[in-house]
C-alpha cells in the first residue's frame, strides 16, 4: 500500500472511531479537520508529519493547521484558551476519566507559557499543541 493509501485508511479508521465515540463532536472534529486541510492546501507530507508528530518538518502552511483546527473547534478564542472546549476535546480524544481533569488542568497551565514563544498565531498554536500533546501522552493515555 502506498503512502496515500495508508493515510486514507488511517483517516477512515479515525473517522469511524470518532463517529462511534460521540457523533456530534466527531462530526465537528472531522469537518474542522477536513476544512482546515483543504483551506490551507496541506500536502500529504505535512499530513504524515502531523500524524507522526514530526512538527518541525512541516511546511509553514502545515504548521497553521493547529491554529485553524483549534479556532474552528473554539479551543482558541480571542481571549485565549477555552478550557471547557479543550476538556471536551480531550475527553473525546483520550476518553478522560474524572480524575484526569486535574492532570489536564496542570498540563494546560504548564503549556500556556510555551504558546507565547511563537511569532505568529500559527507558531503559538503549534507550540501549545506540541506541549499539550506531549503532556497528554505522558500523563493521560489509558
N, C-alpha and C. Protein backbone atom coordinates (compact mmCIF):
# COMPACT_ATOMS: atom_id res chain seq x y z
N UNK A 1 0.86 -1.18 0.00
CA UNK A 1 0.00 0.00 0.00
C UNK A 1 0.90 1.23 0.00
N UNK A 2 0.60 2.21 -0.85
CA UNK A 2 1.40 3.43 -0.90
C UNK A 2 1.02 4.37 0.24
N UNK A 3 1.78 5.46 0.35
CA UNK A 3 1.57 6.40 1.44
C UNK A 3 0.17 6.98 1.45
N UNK A 4 -0.32 7.39 0.27
CA UNK A 4 -1.67 7.97 0.18
C UNK A 4 -2.73 6.97 0.64
N UNK A 5 -2.55 5.71 0.24
CA UNK A 5 -3.49 4.68 0.67
C UNK A 5 -3.46 4.48 2.17
N UNK A 6 -2.27 4.52 2.74
CA UNK A 6 -2.12 4.36 4.19
C UNK A 6 -2.82 5.50 4.92
N UNK A 7 -2.63 6.73 4.44
CA UNK A 7 -3.27 7.89 5.06
C UNK A 7 -4.78 7.76 5.00
N UNK A 8 -5.30 7.35 3.85
CA UNK A 8 -6.75 7.18 3.71
C UNK A 8 -7.30 6.14 4.67
N UNK A 9 -6.58 5.04 4.85
CA UNK A 9 -7.00 4.01 5.79
C UNK A 9 -6.99 4.56 7.21
N UNK A 10 -5.91 5.27 7.57
CA UNK A 10 -5.82 5.85 8.92
C UNK A 10 -6.95 6.84 9.15
N UNK A 11 -7.21 7.70 8.17
CA UNK A 11 -8.29 8.69 8.32
C UNK A 11 -9.64 8.00 8.42
N UNK A 12 -9.85 6.94 7.65
CA UNK A 12 -11.12 6.21 7.72
C UNK A 12 -11.30 5.59 9.10
N UNK A 13 -10.25 5.01 9.63
CA UNK A 13 -10.32 4.41 10.97
C UNK A 13 -10.60 5.48 12.01
N UNK A 14 -9.88 6.61 11.92
CA UNK A 14 -10.11 7.70 12.87
C UNK A 14 -11.54 8.22 12.78
N UNK A 15 -12.04 8.38 11.56
CA UNK A 15 -13.40 8.88 11.40
C UNK A 15 -14.42 7.88 11.95
N UNK A 16 -14.22 6.60 11.71
CA UNK A 16 -15.13 5.59 12.24
C UNK A 16 -15.10 5.62 13.77
N UNK A 17 -13.90 5.68 14.34
CA UNK A 17 -13.73 5.73 15.79
C UNK A 17 -14.43 6.97 16.34
N UNK A 18 -14.23 8.10 15.68
CA UNK A 18 -14.82 9.35 16.13
C UNK A 18 -16.34 9.28 16.13
N UNK A 19 -16.92 8.78 15.05
CA UNK A 19 -18.37 8.75 14.93
C UNK A 19 -19.00 7.85 15.96
N UNK A 20 -18.34 6.74 16.30
CA UNK A 20 -18.91 5.85 17.29
C UNK A 20 -18.74 6.38 18.71
N UNK A 21 -17.76 7.25 18.95
CA UNK A 21 -17.49 7.75 20.29
C UNK A 21 -18.50 8.82 20.71
N UNK A 22 -18.68 9.83 19.92
CA UNK A 22 -19.58 10.93 20.23
C UNK A 22 -19.92 11.59 18.91
N UNK A 23 -21.04 11.22 18.36
CA UNK A 23 -21.35 11.57 16.97
C UNK A 23 -21.30 13.06 16.67
N UNK A 24 -21.93 13.87 17.49
CA UNK A 24 -21.97 15.31 17.21
C UNK A 24 -20.57 15.92 17.24
N UNK A 25 -19.83 15.64 18.29
CA UNK A 25 -18.47 16.17 18.39
C UNK A 25 -17.58 15.57 17.30
N UNK A 26 -17.78 14.30 17.02
CA UNK A 26 -16.98 13.64 15.98
C UNK A 26 -17.19 14.31 14.63
N UNK A 27 -18.43 14.62 14.32
CA UNK A 27 -18.72 15.28 13.05
C UNK A 27 -18.05 16.66 12.99
N UNK A 28 -18.07 17.35 14.11
CA UNK A 28 -17.44 18.67 14.17
C UNK A 28 -15.92 18.55 14.04
N UNK A 29 -15.33 17.56 14.72
CA UNK A 29 -13.89 17.32 14.62
C UNK A 29 -13.52 17.00 13.18
N UNK A 30 -14.25 16.08 12.58
CA UNK A 30 -13.96 15.68 11.20
C UNK A 30 -14.11 16.83 10.22
N UNK A 31 -15.17 17.62 10.39
CA UNK A 31 -15.39 18.75 9.49
C UNK A 31 -14.27 19.77 9.65
N UNK A 32 -13.91 20.09 10.88
CA UNK A 32 -12.83 21.04 11.13
C UNK A 32 -11.51 20.54 10.56
N UNK A 33 -11.24 19.26 10.79
CA UNK A 33 -10.02 18.62 10.30
C UNK A 33 -9.96 18.72 8.77
N UNK A 34 -11.02 18.29 8.11
CA UNK A 34 -11.05 18.31 6.64
C UNK A 34 -11.01 19.74 6.09
N UNK A 35 -11.80 20.64 6.69
CA UNK A 35 -11.85 22.02 6.20
C UNK A 35 -10.50 22.71 6.32
N UNK A 36 -9.81 22.48 7.42
CA UNK A 36 -8.52 23.14 7.61
C UNK A 36 -7.47 22.60 6.65
N UNK A 37 -7.46 21.29 6.44
CA UNK A 37 -6.51 20.73 5.48
C UNK A 37 -6.79 21.27 4.08
N UNK A 38 -8.06 21.40 3.71
CA UNK A 38 -8.41 21.93 2.39
C UNK A 38 -8.11 23.42 2.30
N UNK A 39 -8.54 24.16 3.30
CA UNK A 39 -8.35 25.62 3.30
C UNK A 39 -6.88 26.00 3.20
N UNK A 40 -6.04 25.26 3.89
CA UNK A 40 -4.61 25.58 3.91
C UNK A 40 -3.84 24.86 2.82
N UNK A 41 -4.56 24.04 2.03
CA UNK A 41 -3.93 23.28 0.95
C UNK A 41 -2.73 22.47 1.45
N UNK A 42 -2.96 21.72 2.52
CA UNK A 42 -1.89 20.95 3.15
C UNK A 42 -1.65 19.67 2.37
N UNK A 43 -0.38 19.42 2.08
CA UNK A 43 0.00 18.26 1.27
C UNK A 43 0.11 16.99 2.12
N UNK A 44 0.26 15.86 1.45
CA UNK A 44 0.33 14.56 2.14
C UNK A 44 1.53 14.45 3.07
N UNK A 45 2.65 15.08 2.71
CA UNK A 45 3.84 15.03 3.58
C UNK A 45 3.53 15.71 4.91
N UNK A 46 2.88 16.89 4.85
CA UNK A 46 2.53 17.59 6.08
C UNK A 46 1.53 16.78 6.91
N UNK A 47 0.57 16.14 6.24
CA UNK A 47 -0.40 15.30 6.96
C UNK A 47 0.33 14.17 7.69
N UNK A 48 1.26 13.53 6.99
CA UNK A 48 2.01 12.43 7.60
C UNK A 48 2.85 12.95 8.77
N UNK A 49 3.55 14.07 8.54
CA UNK A 49 4.37 14.65 9.62
C UNK A 49 3.50 15.02 10.82
N UNK A 50 2.32 15.57 10.57
CA UNK A 50 1.42 15.94 11.67
C UNK A 50 1.00 14.69 12.45
N UNK A 51 0.54 13.67 11.74
CA UNK A 51 0.09 12.44 12.40
C UNK A 51 1.22 11.73 13.13
N UNK A 52 2.45 11.85 12.60
CA UNK A 52 3.61 11.20 13.22
C UNK A 52 4.24 12.05 14.31
N UNK A 53 3.76 13.29 14.47
CA UNK A 53 4.33 14.17 15.49
C UNK A 53 5.63 14.82 15.07
N UNK A 54 5.92 14.85 13.78
CA UNK A 54 7.14 15.48 13.26
C UNK A 54 6.86 16.92 12.87
N UNK A 55 6.53 17.72 13.86
CA UNK A 55 6.06 19.08 13.60
C UNK A 55 7.14 19.99 13.03
N UNK A 56 8.38 19.77 13.41
CA UNK A 56 9.46 20.62 12.92
C UNK A 56 9.73 20.42 11.43
N UNK A 57 9.25 19.33 10.86
CA UNK A 57 9.45 19.05 9.43
C UNK A 57 8.32 19.59 8.56
N UNK A 58 7.28 20.15 9.18
CA UNK A 58 6.12 20.62 8.43
C UNK A 58 6.39 21.96 7.77
N UNK A 59 5.71 22.19 6.65
CA UNK A 59 5.79 23.49 5.98
C UNK A 59 5.07 24.54 6.84
N UNK A 60 5.23 25.80 6.46
CA UNK A 60 4.54 26.87 7.20
C UNK A 60 3.03 26.69 7.13
N UNK A 61 2.54 26.29 5.97
CA UNK A 61 1.11 26.05 5.81
C UNK A 61 0.66 24.91 6.72
N UNK A 62 1.45 23.85 6.76
CA UNK A 62 1.14 22.71 7.62
C UNK A 62 1.12 23.09 9.09
N UNK A 63 2.04 23.97 9.47
CA UNK A 63 2.11 24.40 10.87
C UNK A 63 0.89 25.21 11.28
N UNK A 64 0.20 25.79 10.29
CA UNK A 64 -1.00 26.58 10.59
C UNK A 64 -2.24 25.71 10.81
N UNK A 65 -2.13 24.41 10.56
CA UNK A 65 -3.27 23.51 10.74
C UNK A 65 -3.80 23.58 12.18
N UNK A 66 -2.90 23.53 13.17
CA UNK A 66 -3.34 23.52 14.57
C UNK A 66 -4.12 24.78 14.89
N UNK A 67 -3.63 25.94 14.44
CA UNK A 67 -4.32 27.19 14.70
C UNK A 67 -5.71 27.17 14.08
N UNK A 68 -5.79 26.75 12.82
CA UNK A 68 -7.08 26.66 12.12
C UNK A 68 -8.04 25.72 12.86
N UNK A 69 -7.55 24.52 13.17
CA UNK A 69 -8.38 23.50 13.82
C UNK A 69 -8.86 23.98 15.19
N UNK A 70 -7.94 24.50 15.99
CA UNK A 70 -8.30 24.93 17.35
C UNK A 70 -9.30 26.09 17.33
N UNK A 71 -9.16 26.98 16.36
CA UNK A 71 -10.12 28.09 16.26
C UNK A 71 -11.48 27.58 15.82
N UNK A 72 -11.53 26.66 14.86
CA UNK A 72 -12.81 26.11 14.40
C UNK A 72 -13.50 25.31 15.51
N UNK A 73 -12.71 24.71 16.38
CA UNK A 73 -13.27 23.92 17.49
C UNK A 73 -13.54 24.79 18.72
N UNK A 74 -13.28 26.10 18.61
CA UNK A 74 -13.44 27.06 19.70
C UNK A 74 -12.55 26.76 20.89
N UNK A 75 -11.44 26.07 20.65
CA UNK A 75 -10.46 25.81 21.71
C UNK A 75 -9.62 27.06 21.92
N UNK A 76 -9.30 27.74 20.83
CA UNK A 76 -8.61 29.03 20.91
C UNK A 76 -9.62 30.10 20.50
N UNK A 77 -9.75 31.10 21.38
CA UNK A 77 -10.66 32.21 21.11
C UNK A 77 -9.87 33.52 21.19
N UNK A 78 -10.54 34.62 21.00
CA UNK A 78 -9.87 35.93 21.11
C UNK A 78 -9.31 36.18 22.50
N UNK A 79 -9.87 35.51 23.49
CA UNK A 79 -9.42 35.73 24.87
C UNK A 79 -8.43 34.67 25.36
N UNK A 80 -8.07 33.73 24.52
CA UNK A 80 -7.10 32.71 24.92
C UNK A 80 -7.66 31.31 24.76
N UNK A 81 -7.17 30.40 25.58
CA UNK A 81 -7.60 29.01 25.51
C UNK A 81 -8.93 28.85 26.24
N UNK A 82 -9.90 28.23 25.59
CA UNK A 82 -11.20 27.93 26.17
C UNK A 82 -11.07 26.55 26.83
N UNK A 83 -10.85 26.55 28.14
CA UNK A 83 -10.58 25.31 28.86
C UNK A 83 -11.74 24.33 28.73
N UNK A 84 -12.97 24.81 28.74
CA UNK A 84 -14.13 23.93 28.62
C UNK A 84 -14.10 23.17 27.31
N UNK A 85 -13.82 23.85 26.21
CA UNK A 85 -13.75 23.20 24.90
C UNK A 85 -12.54 22.27 24.81
N UNK A 86 -11.44 22.67 25.43
CA UNK A 86 -10.25 21.82 25.44
C UNK A 86 -10.53 20.52 26.19
N UNK A 87 -11.18 20.63 27.33
CA UNK A 87 -11.54 19.43 28.11
C UNK A 87 -12.49 18.55 27.30
N UNK A 88 -13.48 19.18 26.66
CA UNK A 88 -14.43 18.42 25.83
C UNK A 88 -13.69 17.64 24.75
N UNK A 89 -12.74 18.31 24.09
CA UNK A 89 -11.98 17.66 23.03
C UNK A 89 -11.12 16.52 23.58
N UNK A 90 -10.42 16.76 24.68
CA UNK A 90 -9.57 15.71 25.25
C UNK A 90 -10.38 14.57 25.86
N UNK A 91 -11.54 14.89 26.42
CA UNK A 91 -12.41 13.80 26.90
C UNK A 91 -12.79 12.90 25.73
N UNK A 92 -13.09 13.52 24.63
CA UNK A 92 -13.46 12.79 23.43
C UNK A 92 -12.26 12.01 22.87
N UNK A 93 -11.12 12.69 22.75
CA UNK A 93 -9.94 12.09 22.14
C UNK A 93 -9.31 11.01 23.01
N UNK A 94 -9.17 11.29 24.28
CA UNK A 94 -8.45 10.39 25.19
C UNK A 94 -9.38 9.60 26.12
N UNK A 95 -10.68 9.86 26.03
CA UNK A 95 -11.65 9.21 26.92
C UNK A 95 -11.24 9.40 28.39
N UNK A 96 -11.14 10.67 28.76
CA UNK A 96 -10.68 11.02 30.10
C UNK A 96 -11.63 10.53 31.18
N UNK A 97 -11.03 10.21 32.29
CA UNK A 97 -11.79 9.87 33.49
C UNK A 97 -11.83 11.13 34.35
N UNK A 98 -12.78 11.22 35.29
CA UNK A 98 -12.88 12.43 36.12
C UNK A 98 -11.56 12.78 36.83
N UNK A 99 -10.82 11.78 37.24
CA UNK A 99 -9.56 12.05 37.95
C UNK A 99 -8.48 12.63 37.03
N UNK A 100 -8.69 12.53 35.73
CA UNK A 100 -7.73 13.07 34.77
C UNK A 100 -7.85 14.58 34.60
N UNK A 101 -8.97 15.16 35.02
CA UNK A 101 -9.19 16.59 34.79
C UNK A 101 -8.15 17.45 35.51
N UNK A 102 -7.75 17.06 36.72
CA UNK A 102 -6.71 17.80 37.42
C UNK A 102 -5.38 17.70 36.68
N UNK A 103 -5.10 16.53 36.12
CA UNK A 103 -3.88 16.36 35.33
C UNK A 103 -3.93 17.26 34.10
N UNK A 104 -5.07 17.29 33.44
CA UNK A 104 -5.21 18.12 32.25
C UNK A 104 -5.05 19.59 32.61
N UNK A 105 -5.64 20.01 33.71
CA UNK A 105 -5.51 21.39 34.16
C UNK A 105 -4.03 21.74 34.37
N UNK A 106 -3.29 20.85 34.98
CA UNK A 106 -1.86 21.05 35.21
C UNK A 106 -1.09 21.12 33.89
N UNK A 107 -1.44 20.23 32.97
CA UNK A 107 -0.78 20.22 31.65
C UNK A 107 -1.04 21.55 30.94
N UNK A 108 -2.28 22.00 30.95
CA UNK A 108 -2.64 23.27 30.28
C UNK A 108 -1.86 24.42 30.91
N UNK A 109 -1.84 24.48 32.23
CA UNK A 109 -1.12 25.57 32.91
C UNK A 109 0.37 25.54 32.60
N UNK A 110 0.94 24.37 32.45
CA UNK A 110 2.36 24.26 32.09
C UNK A 110 2.60 24.66 30.64
N UNK A 111 1.62 24.45 29.80
CA UNK A 111 1.80 24.69 28.36
C UNK A 111 1.46 26.10 27.92
N UNK A 112 0.67 26.82 28.68
CA UNK A 112 0.28 28.17 28.27
C UNK A 112 1.51 29.04 27.99
N UNK A 113 2.54 29.04 28.86
CA UNK A 113 3.70 29.89 28.55
C UNK A 113 4.40 29.53 27.24
N UNK A 114 4.39 28.27 26.84
CA UNK A 114 5.07 27.89 25.59
C UNK A 114 4.37 28.48 24.38
N UNK A 115 3.08 28.75 24.51
CA UNK A 115 2.35 29.31 23.36
C UNK A 115 2.79 30.74 23.07
N UNK A 116 3.36 31.42 24.06
CA UNK A 116 3.80 32.79 23.86
C UNK A 116 5.15 32.86 23.14
N UNK A 117 5.80 31.73 22.93
CA UNK A 117 7.11 31.70 22.28
C UNK A 117 7.04 31.85 20.77
N UNK A 118 5.86 31.84 20.20
CA UNK A 118 5.73 31.96 18.75
C UNK A 118 5.58 33.40 18.31
N UNK A 119 6.00 33.65 17.07
CA UNK A 119 5.89 35.00 16.49
C UNK A 119 4.52 35.21 15.85
N UNK A 120 3.92 34.13 15.36
CA UNK A 120 2.63 34.21 14.67
C UNK A 120 1.60 33.37 15.43
N UNK A 121 0.33 33.56 15.09
CA UNK A 121 -0.72 32.73 15.69
C UNK A 121 -0.46 31.25 15.41
N UNK A 122 0.03 30.97 14.19
CA UNK A 122 0.30 29.57 13.81
C UNK A 122 1.38 28.97 14.70
N UNK A 123 2.46 29.71 14.93
CA UNK A 123 3.54 29.21 15.78
C UNK A 123 3.08 29.05 17.22
N UNK A 124 2.31 30.01 17.71
CA UNK A 124 1.81 29.95 19.09
C UNK A 124 0.92 28.73 19.29
N UNK A 125 -0.01 28.51 18.34
CA UNK A 125 -0.92 27.37 18.45
C UNK A 125 -0.16 26.05 18.36
N UNK A 126 0.80 25.98 17.44
CA UNK A 126 1.58 24.75 17.29
C UNK A 126 2.41 24.49 18.53
N UNK A 127 3.05 25.51 19.09
CA UNK A 127 3.84 25.33 20.32
C UNK A 127 2.97 24.82 21.46
N UNK A 128 1.78 25.40 21.60
CA UNK A 128 0.87 24.95 22.66
C UNK A 128 0.44 23.51 22.41
N UNK A 129 0.11 23.18 21.16
CA UNK A 129 -0.33 21.82 20.83
C UNK A 129 0.77 20.79 21.10
N UNK A 130 1.99 21.09 20.69
CA UNK A 130 3.10 20.16 20.90
C UNK A 130 3.26 19.88 22.40
N UNK A 131 3.17 20.93 23.21
CA UNK A 131 3.28 20.78 24.66
C UNK A 131 2.10 19.98 25.22
N UNK A 132 0.88 20.32 24.80
CA UNK A 132 -0.31 19.60 25.26
C UNK A 132 -0.27 18.13 24.85
N UNK A 133 0.14 17.88 23.63
CA UNK A 133 0.22 16.50 23.13
C UNK A 133 1.21 15.69 23.95
N UNK A 134 2.38 16.27 24.20
CA UNK A 134 3.40 15.59 25.00
C UNK A 134 2.88 15.31 26.41
N UNK A 135 2.27 16.32 27.02
CA UNK A 135 1.72 16.15 28.37
C UNK A 135 0.63 15.10 28.41
N UNK A 136 -0.22 15.08 27.40
CA UNK A 136 -1.32 14.10 27.34
C UNK A 136 -0.76 12.70 27.16
N UNK A 137 0.20 12.54 26.27
CA UNK A 137 0.78 11.22 26.03
C UNK A 137 1.44 10.70 27.30
N UNK A 138 2.14 11.57 28.00
CA UNK A 138 2.87 11.15 29.21
C UNK A 138 1.96 10.92 30.41
N UNK A 139 0.85 11.64 30.48
CA UNK A 139 0.04 11.64 31.70
C UNK A 139 -1.39 11.14 31.58
N UNK A 140 -1.96 11.10 30.36
CA UNK A 140 -3.38 10.82 30.25
C UNK A 140 -3.72 9.53 29.50
N UNK A 141 -2.82 9.03 28.72
CA UNK A 141 -3.16 7.89 27.87
C UNK A 141 -3.49 6.67 28.74
N UNK A 142 -4.60 6.05 28.41
CA UNK A 142 -5.05 4.88 29.17
C UNK A 142 -4.86 3.63 28.35
